[in-house]
């Protein structure tokens, strides 16, 4: 039964986390080193940073940068990807550009943006967008190439409007590619943001992690890292998965 399977999966997930914490606790007690604090110490550090308001502030700053840069990269990347996927001439012309931008190290892009535009917020956002944009374009381009031409011709023969064609013919086929770009984007973009903040911002999670590194404060490093990972997981569970289920209701 589906309910039993769901309960079993949740139980296995809980057991997996419990085992991980037990291994962590055992190693910390065995090594007795400040470089590996126990889960209790990390939890206490997390609670203290949360109650002081320091962690929520820096977490909020980083999440705001993530939302802005992620939204820009997805909107621009989807538009360009659809255009290239439906235009072989433009695709052939810009293909080498994509290969070049895909292989430029993120660190190089971040440094160049700061050098060219200064240590300002817009340069930080631009660096993140430029690093993420090629991945979105390539993924959506493949989805546009895979569109069923027969369905598009059927929509034309039935005189579907552009809006109706997009919602009922194009979007259902592009949806898996958009979700793939979204999930990979979240996993990639927050890591880039941390580097951006470490190199050129005076707030945010990356800035704080840099300070903790200088102070050799491993407990705070872990507490802040787990807080951000938890938020990303919540976005996946509360936003992406429900959205995915809703848009795939047409499938049997």
C-alpha atoms as a PDB file:
ATOM      1  CA  UNK A   1       0.000   0.000   0.000  1.00  0.00           C
ATOM      2  CA  UNK A   2       1.240   3.554  -0.746  1.00  0.00           C
ATOM      3  CA  UNK A   3       0.760   4.699   2.877  1.00  0.00           C
ATOM      4  CA  UNK A   4       2.911   1.828   4.175  1.00  0.00           C
ATOM      5  CA  UNK A   5       5.611   2.590   1.620  1.00  0.00           C
ATOM      6  CA  UNK A   6       5.578   6.271   2.567  1.00  0.00           C
ATOM      7  CA  UNK A   7       5.821   5.408   6.266  1.00  0.00           C
ATOM      8  CA  UNK A   8       8.721   3.045   5.560  1.00  0.00           C
ATOM      9  CA  UNK A   9      10.604   5.689   3.587  1.00  0.00           C
ATOM     10  CA  UNK A  10      10.183   8.228   6.392  1.00  0.00           C
ATOM     11  CA  UNK A  11      11.363   5.659   8.929  1.00  0.00           C
ATOM     12  CA  UNK A  12      14.433   4.837   6.832  1.00  0.00           C
ATOM     13  CA  UNK A  13      15.227   8.542   6.474  1.00  0.00           C
ATOM     14  CA  UNK A  14      14.980   9.016  10.246  1.00  0.00           C
ATOM     15  CA  UNK A  15      17.199   5.977  10.881  1.00  0.00           C
ATOM     16  CA  UNK A  16      19.736   7.258   8.358  1.00  0.00           C
ATOM     17  CA  UNK A  17      19.984  10.663  10.079  1.00  0.00           C
ATOM     18  CA  UNK A  18      20.196   8.965  13.495  1.00  0.00           C
ATOM     19  CA  UNK A  19      23.042   6.744  12.299  1.00  0.00           C
ATOM     20  CA  UNK A  20      24.901   9.754  10.879  1.00  0.00           C
ATOM     21  CA  UNK A  21      24.583  11.630  14.180  1.00  0.00           C
ATOM     22  CA  UNK A  22      25.723   8.555  16.099  1.00  0.00           C
ATOM     23  CA  UNK A  23      28.830   8.198  13.919  1.00  0.00           C
ATOM     24  CA  UNK A  24      29.548  11.913  14.319  1.00  0.00           C
ATOM     25  CA  UNK A  25      29.124  11.704  18.097  1.00  0.00           C
ATOM     26  CA  UNK A  26      31.353   8.630  18.311  1.00  0.00           C
ATOM     27  CA  UNK A  27      34.148  10.190  16.254  1.00  0.00           C
ATOM     28  CA  UNK A  28      33.983  13.430  18.237  1.00  0.00           C
ATOM     29  CA  UNK A  29      34.260  11.575  21.561  1.00  0.00           C
ATOM     30  CA  UNK A  30      37.057   9.361  20.249  1.00  0.00           C
ATOM     31  CA  UNK A  31      39.169  12.186  18.761  1.00  0.00           C
ATOM     32  CA  UNK A  32      38.434  14.756  21.485  1.00  0.00           C
ATOM     33  CA  UNK A  33      39.565  17.509  19.134  1.00  0.00           C
ATOM     34  CA  UNK A  34      38.278  21.104  18.826  1.00  0.00           C
ATOM     35  CA  UNK A  35      38.216  20.574  15.062  1.00  0.00           C
ATOM     36  CA  UNK A  36      35.326  18.101  15.450  1.00  0.00           C
ATOM     37  CA  UNK A  37      32.791  19.320  18.040  1.00  0.00           C
ATOM     38  CA  UNK A  38      29.946  17.052  19.126  1.00  0.00           C
ATOM     39  CA  UNK A  39      26.422  17.497  17.700  1.00  0.00           C
ATOM     40  CA  UNK A  40      25.331  18.927  21.072  1.00  0.00           C
ATOM     41  CA  UNK A  41      27.951  21.686  20.911  1.00  0.00           C
ATOM     42  CA  UNK A  42      26.975  22.560  17.339  1.00  0.00           C
ATOM     43  CA  UNK A  43      23.287  22.606  18.322  1.00  0.00           C
ATOM     44  CA  UNK A  44      24.034  24.912  21.271  1.00  0.00           C
ATOM     45  CA  UNK A  45      26.039  27.218  18.996  1.00  0.00           C
ATOM     46  CA  UNK A  46      23.191  27.261  16.482  1.00  0.00           C
ATOM     47  CA  UNK A  47      20.656  28.131  19.190  1.00  0.00           C
ATOM     48  CA  UNK A  48      22.806  30.911  20.598  1.00  0.00           C
ATOM     49  CA  UNK A  49      23.411  32.454  17.154  1.00  0.00           C
ATOM     50  CA  UNK A  50      19.688  32.242  16.364  1.00  0.00           C
ATOM     51  CA  UNK A  51      18.589  33.849  19.630  1.00  0.00           C
ATOM     52  CA  UNK A  52      21.098  36.683  19.196  1.00  0.00           C
ATOM     53  CA  UNK A  53      19.626  37.425  15.758  1.00  0.00           C
ATOM     54  CA  UNK A  54      23.008  37.128  14.071  1.00  0.00           C
ATOM     55  CA  UNK A  55      22.314  33.936  12.168  1.00  0.00           C
ATOM     56  CA  UNK A  56      18.811  34.950  10.923  1.00  0.00           C
ATOM     57  CA  UNK A  57      20.193  38.282   9.688  1.00  0.00           C
ATOM     58  CA  UNK A  58      23.076  36.838   7.659  1.00  0.00           C
ATOM     59  CA  UNK A  59      20.917  33.947   6.463  1.00  0.00           C
ATOM     60  CA  UNK A  60      18.255  36.386   5.273  1.00  0.00           C
ATOM     61  CA  UNK A  61      20.821  38.482   3.379  1.00  0.00           C
ATOM     62  CA  UNK A  62      22.163  35.407   1.589  1.00  0.00           C
ATOM     63  CA  UNK A  63      18.669  34.117   0.771  1.00  0.00           C
ATOM     64  CA  UNK A  64      17.726  37.498  -0.711  1.00  0.00           C
ATOM     65  CA  UNK A  65      20.771  37.371  -2.984  1.00  0.00           C
ATOM     66  CA  UNK A  66      19.894  33.785  -3.877  1.00  0.00           C
ATOM     67  CA  UNK A  67      16.299  34.646  -4.807  1.00  0.00           C
ATOM     68  CA  UNK A  68      17.284  37.639  -6.962  1.00  0.00           C
ATOM     69  CA  UNK A  69      20.153  35.944  -8.811  1.00  0.00           C
ATOM     70  CA  UNK A  70      18.302  32.640  -9.204  1.00  0.00           C
ATOM     71  CA  UNK A  71      15.188  34.342 -10.605  1.00  0.00           C
ATOM     72  CA  UNK A  72      17.217  36.382 -13.096  1.00  0.00           C
ATOM     73  CA  UNK A  73      19.240  33.358 -14.227  1.00  0.00           C
ATOM     74  CA  UNK A  74      16.122  31.211 -14.705  1.00  0.00           C
ATOM     75  CA  UNK A  75      14.084  33.857 -16.555  1.00  0.00           C
ATOM     76  CA  UNK A  76      16.881  34.903 -18.901  1.00  0.00           C
ATOM     77  CA  UNK A  77      18.190  31.349 -19.317  1.00  0.00           C
ATOM     78  CA  UNK A  78      14.774  29.894 -20.152  1.00  0.00           C
ATOM     79  CA  UNK A  79      14.096  32.594 -22.747  1.00  0.00           C
ATOM     80  CA  UNK A  80      17.477  32.162 -24.455  1.00  0.00           C
ATOM     81  CA  UNK A  81      17.315  28.365 -24.215  1.00  0.00           C
ATOM     82  CA  UNK A  82      13.922  28.231 -25.940  1.00  0.00           C
ATOM     83  CA  UNK A  83      15.127  30.574 -28.696  1.00  0.00           C
ATOM     84  CA  UNK A  84      18.293  28.557 -29.361  1.00  0.00           C
ATOM     85  CA  UNK A  85      16.415  25.270 -29.221  1.00  0.00           C
ATOM     86  CA  UNK A  86      14.042  26.448 -31.952  1.00  0.00           C
ATOM     87  CA  UNK A  87      16.545  28.257 -34.159  1.00  0.00           C
ATOM     88  CA  UNK A  88      19.346  26.106 -35.570  1.00  0.00           C
ATOM     89  CA  UNK A  89      21.225  29.078 -37.037  1.00  0.00           C
ATOM     90  CA  UNK A  90      21.416  30.969 -33.743  1.00  0.00           C
ATOM     91  CA  UNK A  91      22.193  27.746 -31.904  1.00  0.00           C
ATOM     92  CA  UNK A  92      25.154  26.992 -34.178  1.00  0.00           C
ATOM     93  CA  UNK A  93      26.395  30.595 -33.880  1.00  0.00           C
ATOM     94  CA  UNK A  94      26.260  30.785 -30.063  1.00  0.00           C
ATOM     95  CA  UNK A  95      27.181  27.180 -29.250  1.00  0.00           C
ATOM     96  CA  UNK A  96      30.882  28.013 -28.797  1.00  0.00           C
ATOM     97  CA  UNK A  97      29.948  30.904 -26.517  1.00  0.00           C
ATOM     98  CA  UNK A  98      28.089  28.480 -24.269  1.00  0.00           C
ATOM     99  CA  UNK A  99      31.014  26.070 -24.177  1.00  0.00           C
ATOM    100  CA  UNK A 100      33.378  28.903 -23.201  1.00  0.00           C
ATOM    101  CA  UNK A 101      31.139  30.249 -20.432  1.00  0.00           C
ATOM    102  CA  UNK A 102      30.454  26.751 -19.121  1.00  0.00           C
ATOM    103  CA  UNK A 103      34.173  26.175 -18.650  1.00  0.00           C
ATOM    104  CA  UNK A 104      35.156  29.515 -17.110  1.00  0.00           C
ATOM    105  CA  UNK A 105      35.820  28.880 -13.390  1.00  0.00           C
ATOM    106  CA  UNK A 106      33.303  30.544 -11.090  1.00  0.00           C
ATOM    107  CA  UNK A 107      36.103  32.137  -9.098  1.00  0.00           C
ATOM    108  CA  UNK A 108      37.438  33.899 -12.215  1.00  0.00           C
ATOM    109  CA  UNK A 109      33.997  35.315 -13.047  1.00  0.00           C
ATOM    110  CA  UNK A 110      33.507  36.569  -9.489  1.00  0.00           C
ATOM    111  CA  UNK A 111      36.911  38.288  -9.383  1.00  0.00           C
ATOM    112  CA  UNK A 112      36.398  39.894 -12.798  1.00  0.00           C
ATOM    113  CA  UNK A 113      32.976  41.254 -11.826  1.00  0.00           C
ATOM    114  CA  UNK A 114      34.427  42.801  -8.679  1.00  0.00           C
ATOM    115  CA  UNK A 115      37.410  44.243 -10.578  1.00  0.00           C
ATOM    116  CA  UNK A 116      35.281  45.678 -13.385  1.00  0.00           C
ATOM    117  CA  UNK A 117      32.273  46.941 -11.395  1.00  0.00           C
ATOM    118  CA  UNK A 118      33.637  47.317  -7.871  1.00  0.00           C
ATOM    119  CA  UNK A 119      32.741  45.692  -4.566  1.00  0.00           C
ATOM    120  CA  UNK A 120      29.051  46.516  -4.912  1.00  0.00           C
ATOM    121  CA  UNK A 121      25.863  44.471  -4.587  1.00  0.00           C
ATOM    122  CA  UNK A 122      25.090  44.562  -8.311  1.00  0.00           C
ATOM    123  CA  UNK A 123      28.501  43.056  -9.114  1.00  0.00           C
ATOM    124  CA  UNK A 124      27.858  40.237  -6.647  1.00  0.00           C
ATOM    125  CA  UNK A 125      24.456  39.449  -8.199  1.00  0.00           C
ATOM    126  CA  UNK A 126      25.889  39.661 -11.722  1.00  0.00           C
ATOM    127  CA  UNK A 127      28.687  37.234 -10.862  1.00  0.00           C
ATOM    128  CA  UNK A 128      26.178  34.654  -9.617  1.00  0.00           C
ATOM    129  CA  UNK A 129      23.874  35.091 -12.621  1.00  0.00           C
ATOM    130  CA  UNK A 130      26.723  34.786 -15.144  1.00  0.00           C
ATOM    131  CA  UNK A 131      27.917  31.577 -13.480  1.00  0.00           C
ATOM    132  CA  UNK A 132      24.472  29.972 -13.480  1.00  0.00           C
ATOM    133  CA  UNK A 133      23.107  31.248 -16.808  1.00  0.00           C
ATOM    134  CA  UNK A 134      24.941  28.854 -19.204  1.00  0.00           C
ATOM    135  CA  UNK A 135      23.715  25.776 -17.308  1.00  0.00           C
ATOM    136  CA  UNK A 136      20.097  26.931 -17.555  1.00  0.00           C
ATOM    137  CA  UNK A 137      20.423  27.774 -21.243  1.00  0.00           C
ATOM    138  CA  UNK A 138      21.900  24.379 -22.119  1.00  0.00           C
ATOM    139  CA  UNK A 139      19.254  22.452 -20.157  1.00  0.00           C
ATOM    140  CA  UNK A 140      16.297  24.388 -21.575  1.00  0.00           C
ATOM    141  CA  UNK A 141      17.771  24.281 -25.075  1.00  0.00           C
ATOM    142  CA  UNK A 142      17.725  20.485 -24.944  1.00  0.00           C
ATOM    143  CA  UNK A 143      14.111  20.596 -23.810  1.00  0.00           C
ATOM    144  CA  UNK A 144      13.165  22.911 -26.683  1.00  0.00           C
ATOM    145  CA  UNK A 145      14.897  20.574 -29.139  1.00  0.00           C
ATOM    146  CA  UNK A 146      12.884  17.644 -27.768  1.00  0.00           C
ATOM    147  CA  UNK A 147       9.480  19.301 -28.289  1.00  0.00           C
ATOM    148  CA  UNK A 148       7.038  17.110 -30.221  1.00  0.00           C
ATOM    149  CA  UNK A 149       6.596  18.823 -33.601  1.00  0.00           C
ATOM    150  CA  UNK A 150       3.401  16.862 -34.296  1.00  0.00           C
ATOM    151  CA  UNK A 151       1.755  18.328 -31.203  1.00  0.00           C
ATOM    152  CA  UNK A 152       2.810  21.829 -32.245  1.00  0.00           C
ATOM    153  CA  UNK A 153       1.355  21.282 -35.731  1.00  0.00           C
ATOM    154  CA  UNK A 154      -1.859  19.973 -34.172  1.00  0.00           C
ATOM    155  CA  UNK A 155      -2.107  23.114 -32.031  1.00  0.00           C
ATOM    156  CA  UNK A 156      -1.693  25.242 -35.157  1.00  0.00           C
ATOM    157  CA  UNK A 157      -4.316  23.283 -37.049  1.00  0.00           C
ATOM    158  CA  UNK A 158      -6.789  23.780 -34.189  1.00  0.00           C
ATOM    159  CA  UNK A 159      -5.840  27.481 -34.141  1.00  0.00           C
ATOM    160  CA  UNK A 160      -4.612  27.564 -30.553  1.00  0.00           C
ATOM    161  CA  UNK A 161      -3.564  30.987 -29.357  1.00  0.00           C
ATOM    162  CA  UNK A 162       0.093  31.461 -28.434  1.00  0.00           C
ATOM    163  CA  UNK A 163      -0.823  31.478 -24.744  1.00  0.00           C
ATOM    164  CA  UNK A 164      -2.876  28.278 -25.026  1.00  0.00           C
ATOM    165  CA  UNK A 165      -0.171  26.593 -27.087  1.00  0.00           C
ATOM    166  CA  UNK A 166       2.454  27.421 -24.489  1.00  0.00           C
ATOM    167  CA  UNK A 167       0.352  26.341 -21.491  1.00  0.00           C
ATOM    168  CA  UNK A 168      -1.062  23.114 -22.929  1.00  0.00           C
ATOM    169  CA  UNK A 169       1.515  21.968 -25.480  1.00  0.00           C
ATOM    170  CA  UNK A 170       4.949  23.495 -24.828  1.00  0.00           C
ATOM    171  CA  UNK A 171       5.043  23.847 -21.035  1.00  0.00           C
ATOM    172  CA  UNK A 172       4.114  20.207 -20.180  1.00  0.00           C
ATOM    173  CA  UNK A 173       7.015  19.032 -22.363  1.00  0.00           C
ATOM    174  CA  UNK A 174       9.473  21.643 -21.056  1.00  0.00           C
ATOM    175  CA  UNK A 175       8.523  21.151 -17.415  1.00  0.00           C
ATOM    176  CA  UNK A 176      10.965  18.276 -16.638  1.00  0.00           C
ATOM    177  CA  UNK A 177      13.832  20.307 -18.080  1.00  0.00           C
ATOM    178  CA  UNK A 178      12.832  23.423 -16.139  1.00  0.00           C
ATOM    179  CA  UNK A 179      12.660  21.427 -12.901  1.00  0.00           C
ATOM    180  CA  UNK A 180      16.062  19.890 -13.633  1.00  0.00           C
ATOM    181  CA  UNK A 181      17.530  23.368 -14.167  1.00  0.00           C
ATOM    182  CA  UNK A 182      15.817  24.585 -10.995  1.00  0.00           C
ATOM    183  CA  UNK A 183      17.088  21.806  -8.749  1.00  0.00           C
ATOM    184  CA  UNK A 184      20.616  21.857 -10.119  1.00  0.00           C
ATOM    185  CA  UNK A 185      20.504  25.641  -9.979  1.00  0.00           C
ATOM    186  CA  UNK A 186      19.685  25.758  -6.290  1.00  0.00           C
ATOM    187  CA  UNK A 187      22.444  23.266  -5.535  1.00  0.00           C
ATOM    188  CA  UNK A 188      24.981  25.284  -7.522  1.00  0.00           C
ATOM    189  CA  UNK A 189      23.956  28.865  -6.952  1.00  0.00           C
ATOM    190  CA  UNK A 190      24.097  28.955  -3.169  1.00  0.00           C
ATOM    191  CA  UNK A 191      27.651  27.617  -3.247  1.00  0.00           C
ATOM    192  CA  UNK A 192      28.629  30.398  -5.662  1.00  0.00           C
ATOM    193  CA  UNK A 193      26.926  33.004  -3.457  1.00  0.00           C
ATOM    194  CA  UNK A 194      29.021  31.911  -0.473  1.00  0.00           C
ATOM    195  CA  UNK A 195      32.217  32.502  -2.491  1.00  0.00           C
ATOM    196  CA  UNK A 196      30.899  35.864  -3.714  1.00  0.00           C
ATOM    197  CA  UNK A 197      30.190  36.924  -0.134  1.00  0.00           C
ATOM    198  CA  UNK A 198      33.522  35.634   1.117  1.00  0.00           C
ATOM    199  CA  UNK A 199      35.469  37.657  -1.453  1.00  0.00           C
ATOM    200  CA  UNK A 200      33.629  40.953  -1.563  1.00  0.00           C
ATOM    201  CA  UNK A 201      30.689  41.438   0.792  1.00  0.00           C
ATOM    202  CA  UNK A 202      30.490  42.565   4.420  1.00  0.00           C
ATOM    203  CA  UNK A 203      27.497  40.405   5.353  1.00  0.00           C
ATOM    204  CA  UNK A 204      25.877  37.095   4.484  1.00  0.00           C
ATOM    205  CA  UNK A 205      26.672  33.473   5.253  1.00  0.00           C
ATOM    206  CA  UNK A 206      29.880  33.419   3.195  1.00  0.00           C
ATOM    207  CA  UNK A 207      31.227  36.456   5.038  1.00  0.00           C
ATOM    208  CA  UNK A 208      30.460  34.841   8.404  1.00  0.00           C
ATOM    209  CA  UNK A 209      32.030  31.522   7.411  1.00  0.00           C
ATOM    210  CA  UNK A 210      35.205  33.401   6.457  1.00  0.00           C
ATOM    211  CA  UNK A 211      35.335  34.983   9.911  1.00  0.00           C
ATOM    212  CA  UNK A 212      34.783  31.621  11.607  1.00  0.00           C
ATOM    213  CA  UNK A 213      37.596  30.147   9.509  1.00  0.00           C
ATOM    214  CA  UNK A 214      39.954  32.874  10.668  1.00  0.00           C
ATOM    215  CA  UNK A 215      38.926  32.247  14.285  1.00  0.00           C
ATOM    216  CA  UNK A 216      39.129  28.464  13.817  1.00  0.00           C
ATOM    217  CA  UNK A 217      35.546  28.248  15.129  1.00  0.00           C
ATOM    218  CA  UNK A 218      34.449  24.890  13.703  1.00  0.00           C
ATOM    219  CA  UNK A 219      31.244  24.724  15.758  1.00  0.00           C
ATOM    220  CA  UNK A 220      29.980  27.979  14.236  1.00  0.00           C
ATOM    221  CA  UNK A 221      31.091  26.859  10.771  1.00  0.00           C
ATOM    222  CA  UNK A 222      28.984  23.718  11.077  1.00  0.00           C
ATOM    223  CA  UNK A 223      26.029  25.499  12.704  1.00  0.00           C
ATOM    224  CA  UNK A 224      25.781  28.113   9.938  1.00  0.00           C
ATOM    225  CA  UNK A 225      26.299  25.506   7.207  1.00  0.00           C
ATOM    226  CA  UNK A 226      23.571  23.225   8.544  1.00  0.00           C
ATOM    227  CA  UNK A 227      21.192  26.175   8.879  1.00  0.00           C
ATOM    228  CA  UNK A 228      21.557  27.061   5.205  1.00  0.00           C
ATOM    229  CA  UNK A 229      21.306  23.426   4.097  1.00  0.00           C
ATOM    230  CA  UNK A 230      18.102  23.086   6.134  1.00  0.00           C
ATOM    231  CA  UNK A 231      16.588  26.125   4.418  1.00  0.00           C
ATOM    232  CA  UNK A 232      17.421  24.761   0.958  1.00  0.00           C
ATOM    233  CA  UNK A 233      15.832  21.429   1.917  1.00  0.00           C
ATOM    234  CA  UNK A 234      12.697  23.248   3.083  1.00  0.00           C
ATOM    235  CA  UNK A 235      12.502  25.045  -0.265  1.00  0.00           C
ATOM    236  CA  UNK A 236      12.711  21.652  -1.994  1.00  0.00           C
ATOM    237  CA  UNK A 237      10.033  20.059   0.226  1.00  0.00           C
ATOM    238  CA  UNK A 238       7.600  22.982   0.565  1.00  0.00           C
ATOM    239  CA  UNK A 239       7.945  24.637  -2.850  1.00  0.00           C
ATOM    240  CA  UNK A 240       9.568  22.521  -5.558  1.00  0.00           C
ATOM    241  CA  UNK A 241       7.996  19.140  -4.822  1.00  0.00           C
ATOM    242  CA  UNK A 242       4.399  20.472  -4.485  1.00  0.00           C
ATOM    243  CA  UNK A 243       4.895  22.529  -7.649  1.00  0.00           C
ATOM    244  CA  UNK A 244       6.225  19.462  -9.444  1.00  0.00           C
ATOM    245  CA  UNK A 245       3.225  17.352  -8.370  1.00  0.00           C
ATOM    246  CA  UNK A 246       0.771  20.070  -9.387  1.00  0.00           C
ATOM    247  CA  UNK A 247       2.197  20.567 -12.867  1.00  0.00           C
ATOM    248  CA  UNK A 248       2.423  16.827 -13.525  1.00  0.00           C
ATOM    249  CA  UNK A 249      -1.200  16.015 -12.674  1.00  0.00           C
ATOM    250  CA  UNK A 250      -1.919  15.502 -16.349  1.00  0.00           C
ATOM    251  CA  UNK A 251       0.354  12.446 -16.417  1.00  0.00           C
ATOM    252  CA  UNK A 252      -1.159   9.054 -15.701  1.00  0.00           C
END
